Amino acid sequence: MSADGSSADQRKYKGVRRRKWGKWVTEIRVPGTEGRLWLGSYSTPEAAAVAHDIAFYCLRRPSSLTALNFPSMLPPHVNSNMSPKSVQKAASDAGMAVDAQMIMVDSPMNDEIKANTNDGSSCGGGSWERSEGRETETLSISIDDYL
């Protein structure tokens, strides 16, 4: 354990840190300058990691993808000729998309919807989807939507 009470394994994604109040944040240095590029504050560490990956790839264009947290989630059309502000926007948007998707997956309402649609019962009280004849919709967000 470190002096602030957090364990070393809590920080498992490159370029991501956790604030005292629980939010996950990320920023990156802009090559050739002393400045840092703020990439955002997120509810999940995965979202912050994806934002960092996009910015890292755009700004540094590494020869190997092993330096990324999620190399398989990197969109194929990421452009290395983007300005730092454009990189910031793309990374932030991608992180927010992942955050939204992760929150939807972990949502208690989503768990309730899954339970109601998978229980197979037709007794009173069914889910609101059945009562209105709707199917459960899943949130389909891709990083590609924001780049």
Protein backbone atom coordinates (compact mmCIF):
# COMPACT_ATOMS: atom_id res chain seq x y z
CA MET A 1 0.00 0.00 0.00
CA SER A 2 1.12 3.51 -0.71
CA ALA A 3 1.04 6.47 1.65
CA ASP A 4 -2.41 7.57 0.44
CA GLY A 5 -3.94 4.16 1.15
CA SER A 6 -4.40 3.03 -2.43
CA SER A 7 -2.98 -0.23 -3.66
CA ALA A 8 -0.60 -0.42 -6.58
CA ASP A 9 -2.89 -2.72 -8.58
CA GLN A 10 -5.68 -0.13 -8.57
CA ARG A 11 -3.89 1.75 -11.38
CA LYS A 12 -3.87 -0.87 -14.10
CA TYR A 13 -4.26 1.28 -17.23
CA LYS A 14 -1.49 3.40 -18.72
CA GLY A 15 -2.06 7.14 -18.51
CA VAL A 16 -5.04 6.86 -16.17
CA ARG A 17 -5.33 7.94 -12.55
CA ARG A 18 -8.15 8.06 -10.03
CA ARG A 19 -9.19 11.21 -8.21
CA LYS A 20 -9.93 11.11 -4.47
CA TRP A 21 -13.65 11.35 -5.17
CA GLY A 22 -13.65 8.37 -7.54
CA LYS A 23 -13.52 9.84 -11.03
CA TRP A 24 -10.96 8.53 -13.49
CA VAL A 25 -8.91 11.12 -15.40
CA THR A 26 -6.33 11.18 -18.13
CA GLU A 27 -4.02 13.66 -19.81
CA ILE A 28 -1.03 13.38 -22.10
CA ARG A 29 2.02 15.45 -22.96
CA VAL A 30 2.08 17.01 -26.41
CA PRO A 31 5.36 16.07 -28.13
CA GLY A 32 7.72 18.98 -28.71
CA THR A 33 6.06 21.17 -26.09
CA GLU A 34 5.94 21.42 -22.34
CA GLY A 35 2.17 21.43 -22.40
CA ARG A 36 -0.25 18.72 -21.44
CA LEU A 37 -3.45 17.91 -23.22
CA TRP A 38 -6.39 17.28 -20.87
CA LEU A 39 -8.39 14.32 -22.17
CA GLY A 40 -11.18 14.27 -19.65
CA SER A 41 -12.74 12.91 -16.50
CA TYR A 42 -14.69 9.65 -16.69
CA SER A 43 -16.79 7.36 -14.53
CA THR A 44 -14.90 4.24 -15.57
CA PRO A 45 -11.18 3.55 -15.88
CA GLU A 46 -11.77 1.84 -19.23
CA ALA A 47 -13.18 5.02 -20.75
CA ALA A 48 -10.18 7.04 -19.58
CA ALA A 49 -7.86 4.35 -20.95
CA VAL A 50 -9.50 4.43 -24.40
CA ALA A 51 -9.24 8.24 -24.47
CA HIS A 52 -5.56 7.99 -23.59
CA ASP A 53 -4.99 5.31 -26.25
CA ILE A 54 -6.51 7.45 -29.01
CA ALA A 55 -4.48 10.51 -28.02
CA PHE A 56 -1.27 8.51 -27.58
CA TYR A 57 -1.65 6.92 -30.99
CA CYS A 58 -2.52 10.19 -32.74
CA LEU A 59 0.27 12.21 -31.13
CA ARG A 60 3.07 9.64 -31.05
CA ARG A 61 2.13 7.13 -33.77
CA PRO A 62 3.97 4.24 -32.08
CA SER A 63 5.48 1.49 -34.22
CA SER A 64 3.94 -1.14 -31.93
CA LEU A 65 0.48 -1.24 -30.40
CA THR A 66 1.76 -2.90 -27.23
CA ALA A 67 1.98 0.51 -25.54
CA LEU A 68 -1.82 0.86 -25.74
CA ASN A 69 -4.32 -0.27 -23.13
CA PHE A 70 -6.84 -1.56 -25.68
CA PRO A 71 -5.09 -1.96 -29.05
CA SER A 72 -8.06 -3.82 -30.55
CA MET A 73 -10.35 -0.83 -29.95
CA LEU A 74 -8.24 1.59 -31.97
CA PRO A 75 -10.21 2.72 -35.03
CA PRO A 76 -8.47 1.95 -38.34
CA HIS A 77 -8.82 5.50 -39.67
CA VAL A 78 -7.17 7.39 -36.82
CA ASN A 79 -5.25 10.30 -38.30
CA SER A 80 -1.82 11.32 -37.05
CA ASN A 81 -2.01 14.71 -38.81
CA MET A 82 -4.58 16.11 -36.39
CA SER A 83 -4.02 19.22 -34.31
CA PRO A 84 -3.77 18.74 -30.53
CA LYS A 85 -7.27 20.22 -30.12
CA SER A 86 -8.67 17.75 -32.67
CA VAL A 87 -6.91 14.90 -30.91
CA GLN A 88 -8.35 16.10 -27.62
CA LYS A 89 -11.87 16.14 -29.07
CA ALA A 90 -11.55 12.70 -30.68
CA ALA A 91 -10.11 11.15 -27.53
CA SER A 92 -12.70 12.77 -25.28
CA ASP A 93 -15.59 11.70 -27.51
CA ALA A 94 -14.30 8.13 -27.68
CA GLY A 95 -13.88 8.03 -23.90
CA MET A 96 -17.39 9.36 -23.35
CA ALA A 97 -18.79 6.73 -25.74
CA VAL A 98 -17.08 3.95 -23.80
CA ASP A 99 -18.21 5.49 -20.51
CA ALA A 100 -21.82 5.55 -21.70
CA GLN A 101 -21.59 1.97 -22.88
CA MET A 102 -19.99 0.78 -19.63
CA ILE A 103 -22.59 2.60 -17.54
CA MET A 104 -25.42 1.06 -19.56
CA VAL A 105 -23.95 -2.41 -19.12
CA ASP A 106 -23.64 -1.93 -15.35
CA SER A 107 -26.95 -0.09 -14.92
CA PRO A 108 -29.40 -1.59 -12.38
CA MET A 109 -32.22 -0.71 -14.78
CA ASN A 110 -30.46 -2.68 -17.51
CA ASP A 111 -30.12 -5.67 -15.12
CA GLU A 112 -33.82 -5.44 -14.33
CA ILE A 113 -34.73 -5.31 -18.02
CA LYS A 114 -32.55 -8.36 -18.71
CA ALA A 115 -34.12 -10.26 -15.81
CA ASN A 116 -37.64 -9.45 -16.98
CA THR A 117 -37.01 -10.43 -20.58
CA ASN A 118 -35.16 -13.63 -19.69
CA ASP A 119 -37.48 -15.01 -17.02
CA GLY A 120 -40.01 -16.34 -19.55
CA SER A 121 -42.96 -15.65 -17.26
CA SER A 122 -46.16 -14.08 -18.48
CA CYS A 123 -47.66 -13.46 -15.05
CA GLY A 124 -48.88 -10.08 -13.88
CA GLY A 125 -46.51 -7.19 -13.50
CA GLY A 126 -44.33 -8.00 -16.59
CA SER A 127 -41.78 -5.52 -17.77
CA TRP A 128 -42.64 -2.23 -19.42
CA GLU A 129 -41.27 -3.58 -22.71
CA ARG A 130 -43.91 -6.30 -22.81
CA SER A 131 -46.71 -4.03 -21.69
CA GLU A 132 -46.01 -1.65 -24.57
CA GLY A 133 -44.96 -4.34 -27.04
CA ARG A 134 -41.39 -3.10 -27.33
CA GLU A 135 -38.22 -5.12 -27.53
CA THR A 136 -35.30 -4.30 -25.28
CA GLU A 137 -32.98 -1.92 -27.10
CA THR A 138 -29.28 -2.03 -26.51
CA LEU A 139 -27.06 0.98 -26.73
CA SER A 140 -24.76 0.59 -29.69
CA ILE A 141 -21.95 3.11 -29.51
CA SER A 142 -18.68 2.73 -31.30
CA ILE A 143 -15.51 4.75 -31.02
CA ASP A 144 -15.72 5.08 -34.80
CA ASP A 145 -18.88 7.19 -34.35
CA TYR A 146 -16.79 9.95 -32.80
CA LEU A 147 -13.77 10.02 -35.09
